[in-house]
Every structure is written in C-alpha cells, then in structure tokens.
Amino acid sequence: MDAKHPVRTTEKTLTLIEELKDRGPCGVTELADGMEMGKSAVHNHLTTLRKHGYVIKSDDTYRFGLKFLEVGGHVRKSMEFYQVAEPEVKSLADETDELANLLVEEQGMGVYLMRSKGDDAVDLDTYAGLRTHLHTTALGKAILAHLPDERVEEIIERRGLERQTPQSIGTEPELFEALEEIRERGYAIDDGERLEGLRCIAAPIKHSSGDVLGSISVSAPASRFSDEDLHGEPAERVLSAANVIELNINY
C-alpha cells in the first residue's frame, strides 16, 4: 500500500539503506552516483545513521552496523510462530542431515525466518531475512497454494513471474496448475527452480482458522534427493514437522 503522505527524507534514507545492502561496503561517491543524489546529502544521511549505530565508517567506506541485527533479531524473537517452529526446524535438519528452512510471506515475497544445517547440509545463499519470489521455491509455492486465488493474482501482478532457472514457473496457468497439484499432494516440490541442481520439499503450516502461517522445508543436492525421495521418507518428515508446529500453535 502506498503512503498518502510519504516523508521524502525517510524515503531517501531507506533508499540509501537498500543501495548499501545491494552494493556492500562503499564510499559516499559510489552511493551518490548509484542513487543520483548529491554527495553532501548522502553524507548527511550516512552521518545520521552512523550516529545511531546503524552504519559503521572505516576509513572512507561505510557498511552496516550490528544495530540492524539487533532490530531484526528482536522482530524474529517476538514472533510466536518463530518461537514454536524453531525447535522443529532444528529437529528436521538433525533427522535428515540436510538444510531445513522456515519461510513466511510478507508483501508478496517470501522471507526466510531461519535455517538449520544438518551434518551433510549444503551451504546456500539463504539467510534469515532474505527475501525471495514465492513462485520459485517449494516453500513459497506451499504458501501460495493455500492463499485465496485473488491474493495469488495480486502477488503475480505486483511481483511478476520471472524465471530464475529454466525450470522455474513463468506463466500464470503454469502456476495455478502447480498450486492445485500441491493442494492434492499436501506438499510442494522445487526441482532446481531457484538454484539449479538443488531439490527442496516443503509443507505449509496452517492455523486452525485455515490461514497459512508459513512453510517448512528440507533442501538437498539433486544427487542426494532422488525422485523416490521427493515422494518418500523426506517428504513424510517435512509433513510431520509441519503437523507438530500446527498442533503446538493451535492447541
């Protein structure tokens, strides 16, 4: 939703934060060029952020401070859903020796709340707070499958259906067909749709009201997840973990 009376200064600060996130540590000139802002204005924003601990300066380079981690950690810890799901995500990782993940939907994007690594887990580019397109992951599709069609259409209109790999879903009919299969099967599969060579199994986590709260998954290289595994014991473990979380939340 667009603000009726946006505060321009706040918008510029937030834009600078996003630019610094995308670029990594950099100087005033680089930020100013990327944002098409004057160097003095960028410097003023950075100085204010630095005063409050959100930015650190080293020589002439600026980077994020750990204040952002404090805020993000507080937000996550205050979520009942995270508190209930955390031990089950860790247990799923331990049981499978693979990478287990927890995802929620916010503003039409998937947001990773946590991940837990088993002994054989691959180290991916995911981390708590990372945002990803819902249609490219098993986690995201598990959530989309249990949203009203109107909401799914809104997300498609806002976020699009860009293919991230040749296996990604890229059209609305493809997506709705996949979501119907997920509802019938009970869980979602990602076969190299966000990262080639990676397979993922995810199950939705629902409130007793029927609303979907998020999803839980396990991911592994295709060499370790056969076609049988996608519909075998790993899938059963993911469904079991989702069921335990639902019981703990609802009862």
Protein backbone atom coordinates (compact mmCIF):
# COMPACT_ATOMS: atom_id res chain seq x y z
CA MET A 1 0.00 0.00 0.00
CA ASP A 2 1.35 3.44 -0.97
CA ALA A 3 1.52 6.09 1.74
CA LYS A 4 -0.81 9.04 1.16
CA HIS A 5 1.73 11.49 2.53
CA PRO A 6 5.19 9.91 2.26
CA VAL A 7 8.05 11.60 4.11
CA ARG A 8 10.66 12.30 1.45
CA THR A 9 13.60 12.35 3.86
CA THR A 10 12.62 8.96 5.26
CA GLU A 11 12.21 7.56 1.76
CA LYS A 12 15.69 8.77 0.80
CA THR A 13 17.22 7.20 3.91
CA LEU A 14 15.50 3.89 3.20
CA THR A 15 16.63 4.03 -0.44
CA LEU A 16 20.20 4.61 0.76
CA ILE A 17 19.94 1.61 3.09
CA GLU A 18 18.77 -0.58 0.20
CA GLU A 19 21.57 0.72 -2.01
CA LEU A 20 24.17 -0.03 0.66
CA LYS A 21 22.72 -3.52 1.09
CA ASP A 22 22.98 -4.21 -2.64
CA ARG A 23 26.45 -2.74 -3.09
CA GLY A 24 28.09 -3.79 0.14
CA PRO A 25 30.68 -1.57 1.87
CA CYS A 26 31.34 1.51 -0.25
CA GLY A 27 32.03 5.23 -0.16
CA VAL A 28 29.92 8.36 -0.43
CA THR A 29 30.73 8.97 -4.10
CA GLU A 30 29.71 5.45 -5.15
CA LEU A 31 26.45 5.69 -3.23
CA ALA A 32 25.69 9.15 -4.58
CA ASP A 33 26.28 8.01 -8.17
CA GLY A 34 24.07 4.98 -7.73
CA MET A 35 21.23 6.96 -6.17
CA GLU A 36 21.62 10.08 -8.31
CA MET A 37 21.84 12.19 -5.16
CA GLY A 38 24.29 14.87 -4.17
CA LYS A 39 27.29 13.72 -2.17
CA SER A 40 26.56 16.14 0.66
CA ALA A 41 23.01 14.79 1.02
CA VAL A 42 24.25 11.19 1.04
CA HIS A 43 26.88 12.13 3.61
CA ASN A 44 24.24 13.69 5.87
CA HIS A 45 22.09 10.56 5.75
CA LEU A 46 25.09 8.34 6.47
CA THR A 47 26.22 10.53 9.36
CA THR A 48 22.78 10.32 10.95
CA LEU A 49 22.67 6.54 10.54
CA ARG A 50 26.19 6.30 11.96
CA LYS A 51 25.21 8.40 15.00
CA HIS A 52 22.52 5.85 15.87
CA GLY A 53 24.69 2.79 15.24
CA TYR A 54 23.09 1.61 12.01
CA VAL A 55 26.18 2.38 9.89
CA ILE A 56 29.87 1.97 10.62
CA LYS A 57 32.62 4.01 8.95
CA SER A 58 36.06 2.55 8.28
CA ASP A 59 38.44 4.96 6.54
CA ASP A 60 36.20 6.34 3.75
CA THR A 61 33.99 3.26 3.50
CA TYR A 62 30.57 2.77 5.07
CA ARG A 63 28.95 -0.55 6.00
CA PHE A 64 26.01 -1.72 8.07
CA GLY A 65 26.38 -1.81 11.83
CA LEU A 66 25.08 -4.60 14.05
CA LYS A 67 22.17 -2.39 15.14
CA PHE A 68 20.24 -3.83 12.19
CA LEU A 69 20.89 -7.34 13.55
CA GLU A 70 19.59 -6.26 16.95
CA VAL A 71 16.36 -4.97 15.41
CA GLY A 72 15.91 -8.00 13.15
CA GLY A 73 16.66 -10.41 15.97
CA HIS A 74 14.10 -8.69 18.19
CA VAL A 75 11.43 -8.83 15.49
CA ARG A 76 12.01 -12.54 14.90
CA LYS A 77 12.20 -13.45 18.59
CA SER A 78 8.91 -11.67 19.29
CA MET A 79 7.04 -13.79 16.72
CA GLU A 80 5.11 -16.64 18.33
CA PHE A 81 5.27 -18.54 15.04
CA TYR A 82 9.08 -18.46 15.09
CA GLN A 83 9.28 -19.47 18.76
CA VAL A 84 7.07 -22.50 18.18
CA ALA A 85 8.64 -23.54 14.87
CA GLU A 86 12.33 -23.10 15.76
CA PRO A 87 12.87 -26.45 17.57
CA GLU A 88 11.07 -28.37 14.81
CA VAL A 89 13.23 -26.79 12.09
CA LYS A 90 16.34 -27.80 14.04
CA SER A 91 14.98 -31.33 14.54
CA LEU A 92 14.22 -31.67 10.84
CA ALA A 93 17.79 -30.70 9.98
CA ASP A 94 19.18 -33.20 12.51
CA GLU A 95 16.91 -36.03 11.31
CA THR A 96 17.70 -35.57 7.62
CA ASP A 97 21.30 -34.28 7.91
CA GLU A 98 20.25 -31.68 5.33
CA LEU A 99 19.29 -28.00 5.29
CA ALA A 100 15.93 -27.14 6.89
CA ASN A 101 14.22 -23.79 6.34
CA LEU A 102 11.31 -21.73 7.65
CA LEU A 103 9.57 -19.14 5.46
CA VAL A 104 6.72 -16.63 5.79
CA GLU A 105 5.03 -14.38 3.24
CA GLU A 106 5.16 -10.61 3.57
CA GLN A 107 4.09 -8.08 0.93
CA GLY A 108 4.01 -10.78 -1.73
CA MET A 109 7.54 -12.03 -1.09
CA GLY A 110 8.89 -14.98 0.85
CA VAL A 111 11.03 -14.09 3.87
CA TYR A 112 13.32 -16.70 5.41
CA LEU A 113 12.85 -16.67 9.20
CA MET A 114 15.55 -19.24 9.89
CA ARG A 115 17.57 -22.13 8.52
CA SER A 116 19.25 -25.00 10.30
CA LYS A 117 22.06 -27.16 8.92
CA GLY A 118 22.36 -30.90 9.35
CA ASP A 119 25.72 -32.67 9.16
CA ASP A 120 25.65 -33.02 5.35
CA ALA A 121 23.84 -29.77 4.52
CA VAL A 122 24.99 -27.65 1.60
CA ASP A 123 25.81 -24.01 2.29
CA LEU A 124 23.43 -21.92 0.17
CA ASP A 125 22.95 -18.19 -0.31
CA THR A 126 19.98 -18.13 2.07
CA TYR A 127 19.96 -16.42 5.47
CA ALA A 128 17.43 -15.13 7.98
CA GLY A 129 15.74 -12.09 6.47
CA LEU A 130 16.46 -12.95 2.83
CA ARG A 131 13.50 -12.18 0.57
CA THR A 132 12.71 -14.39 -2.40
CA HIS A 133 10.00 -14.73 -5.04
CA LEU A 134 7.38 -17.20 -3.85
CA HIS A 135 6.85 -18.97 -7.17
CA THR A 136 10.48 -20.14 -7.44
CA THR A 137 10.69 -22.14 -4.21
CA ALA A 138 8.88 -25.10 -2.70
CA LEU A 139 8.48 -23.02 0.46
CA GLY A 140 6.82 -20.21 -1.45
CA LYS A 141 4.59 -22.47 -3.52
CA ALA A 142 3.41 -24.27 -0.38
CA ILE A 143 2.22 -20.89 0.92
CA LEU A 144 0.71 -19.74 -2.39
CA ALA A 145 -1.28 -22.97 -2.67
CA HIS A 146 -3.19 -22.04 0.47
CA LEU A 147 -3.85 -18.38 -0.26
CA PRO A 148 -7.09 -17.24 -1.95
CA ASP A 149 -6.79 -17.11 -5.75
CA GLU A 150 -7.41 -13.35 -5.65
CA ARG A 151 -4.41 -12.88 -3.35
CA VAL A 152 -2.22 -15.03 -5.59
CA GLU A 153 -3.24 -12.92 -8.59
CA GLU A 154 -2.38 -9.74 -6.66
CA ILE A 155 1.07 -11.14 -5.88
CA ILE A 156 1.64 -12.10 -9.53
CA GLU A 157 0.63 -8.60 -10.65
CA ARG A 158 2.92 -6.94 -8.12
CA ARG A 159 5.92 -9.27 -8.16
CA GLY A 160 5.73 -10.93 -11.58
CA LEU A 161 6.75 -14.46 -12.55
CA GLU A 162 10.36 -14.08 -13.61
CA ARG A 163 12.11 -17.37 -14.32
CA GLN A 164 15.28 -17.72 -12.25
CA THR A 165 16.28 -21.00 -13.92
CA PRO A 166 14.96 -22.87 -16.97
CA GLN A 167 12.90 -24.99 -14.54
CA SER A 168 11.14 -22.02 -12.95
CA ILE A 169 7.42 -21.44 -13.39
CA GLY A 170 6.97 -18.46 -15.72
CA THR A 171 3.27 -18.17 -16.54
CA GLU A 172 0.07 -17.81 -14.53
CA PRO A 173 -1.58 -21.00 -15.92
CA GLU A 174 1.57 -22.99 -15.03
CA LEU A 175 1.49 -21.62 -11.50
CA PHE A 176 -2.17 -22.31 -10.81
CA GLU A 177 -1.81 -25.84 -12.17
CA ALA A 178 1.16 -26.42 -9.85
CA LEU A 179 -0.73 -25.00 -6.86
CA GLU A 180 -3.63 -27.37 -7.48
CA GLU A 181 -1.21 -30.33 -7.50
CA ILE A 182 0.31 -29.12 -4.23
CA ARG A 183 -3.09 -28.96 -2.55
CA GLU A 184 -3.87 -32.51 -3.69
CA ARG A 185 -0.44 -33.87 -2.68
CA GLY A 186 -0.14 -31.94 0.58
CA TYR A 187 3.38 -30.64 -0.01
CA ALA A 188 5.37 -28.71 -2.61
CA ILE A 189 8.49 -29.60 -4.59
CA ASP A 190 11.18 -27.37 -6.04
CA ASP A 191 13.32 -29.18 -8.61
CA GLY A 192 16.03 -26.66 -9.45
CA GLU A 193 13.57 -23.78 -9.82
CA ARG A 194 15.60 -21.23 -7.82
CA LEU A 195 19.02 -22.86 -7.88
CA GLU A 196 19.87 -25.47 -10.49
CA GLY A 197 20.91 -28.79 -9.00
CA LEU A 198 19.01 -28.22 -5.76
CA ARG A 199 15.83 -30.03 -4.77
CA CYS A 200 13.50 -28.99 -1.98
CA ILE A 201 10.39 -30.38 -0.28
CA ALA A 202 8.10 -28.01 1.66
CA ALA A 203 4.86 -28.24 3.60
CA PRO A 204 2.51 -25.45 4.61
CA ILE A 205 1.91 -24.58 8.24
CA LYS A 206 -1.70 -23.55 8.83
CA HIS A 207 -3.71 -22.02 11.63
CA SER A 208 -6.87 -23.75 12.80
CA SER A 209 -8.77 -20.96 11.03
CA GLY A 210 -7.36 -22.22 7.73
CA ASP A 211 -4.97 -19.30 7.23
CA VAL A 212 -1.48 -20.27 6.13
CA LEU A 213 1.16 -19.03 8.57
CA GLY A 214 4.28 -20.08 6.68
CA SER A 215 6.07 -23.18 5.46
CA ILE A 216 8.89 -25.54 6.43
CA SER A 217 11.23 -27.36 4.08
CA VAL A 218 14.27 -29.54 3.65
CA SER A 219 16.74 -28.95 0.80
CA ALA A 220 19.47 -31.13 -0.68
CA PRO A 221 21.51 -31.54 -3.87
CA ALA A 222 19.68 -33.45 -6.60
CA SER A 223 22.36 -36.17 -6.28
CA ARG A 224 21.05 -36.90 -2.75
CA PHE A 225 17.32 -36.39 -3.39
CA SER A 226 16.11 -38.95 -5.91
CA ASP A 227 12.65 -38.94 -7.48
CA GLU A 228 11.65 -41.50 -4.86
CA ASP A 229 12.91 -39.25 -2.05
CA LEU A 230 10.72 -36.39 -3.29
CA HIS A 231 7.68 -38.54 -2.50
CA GLY A 232 9.15 -40.76 0.20
CA GLU A 233 10.64 -40.51 3.67
CA PRO A 234 11.97 -36.91 3.41
CA ALA A 235 8.51 -35.70 2.39
CA GLU A 236 6.97 -37.58 5.32
CA ARG A 237 9.45 -35.96 7.71
CA VAL A 238 8.61 -32.48 6.41
CA LEU A 239 4.88 -33.12 6.72
CA SER A 240 5.38 -34.45 10.25
CA ALA A 241 7.36 -31.35 11.28
CA ALA A 242 4.66 -29.08 9.87
CA ASN A 243 2.00 -31.06 11.73
CA VAL A 244 3.82 -30.74 15.07
CA ILE A 245 4.17 -26.98 14.62
CA GLU A 246 0.47 -26.67 13.76
CA LEU A 247 -0.53 -28.66 16.87
CA ASN A 248 1.68 -26.54 19.12
CA ILE A 249 0.34 -23.30 17.68
CA ASN A 250 -3.31 -24.26 17.62
CA TYR A 251 -3.59 -26.23 20.86
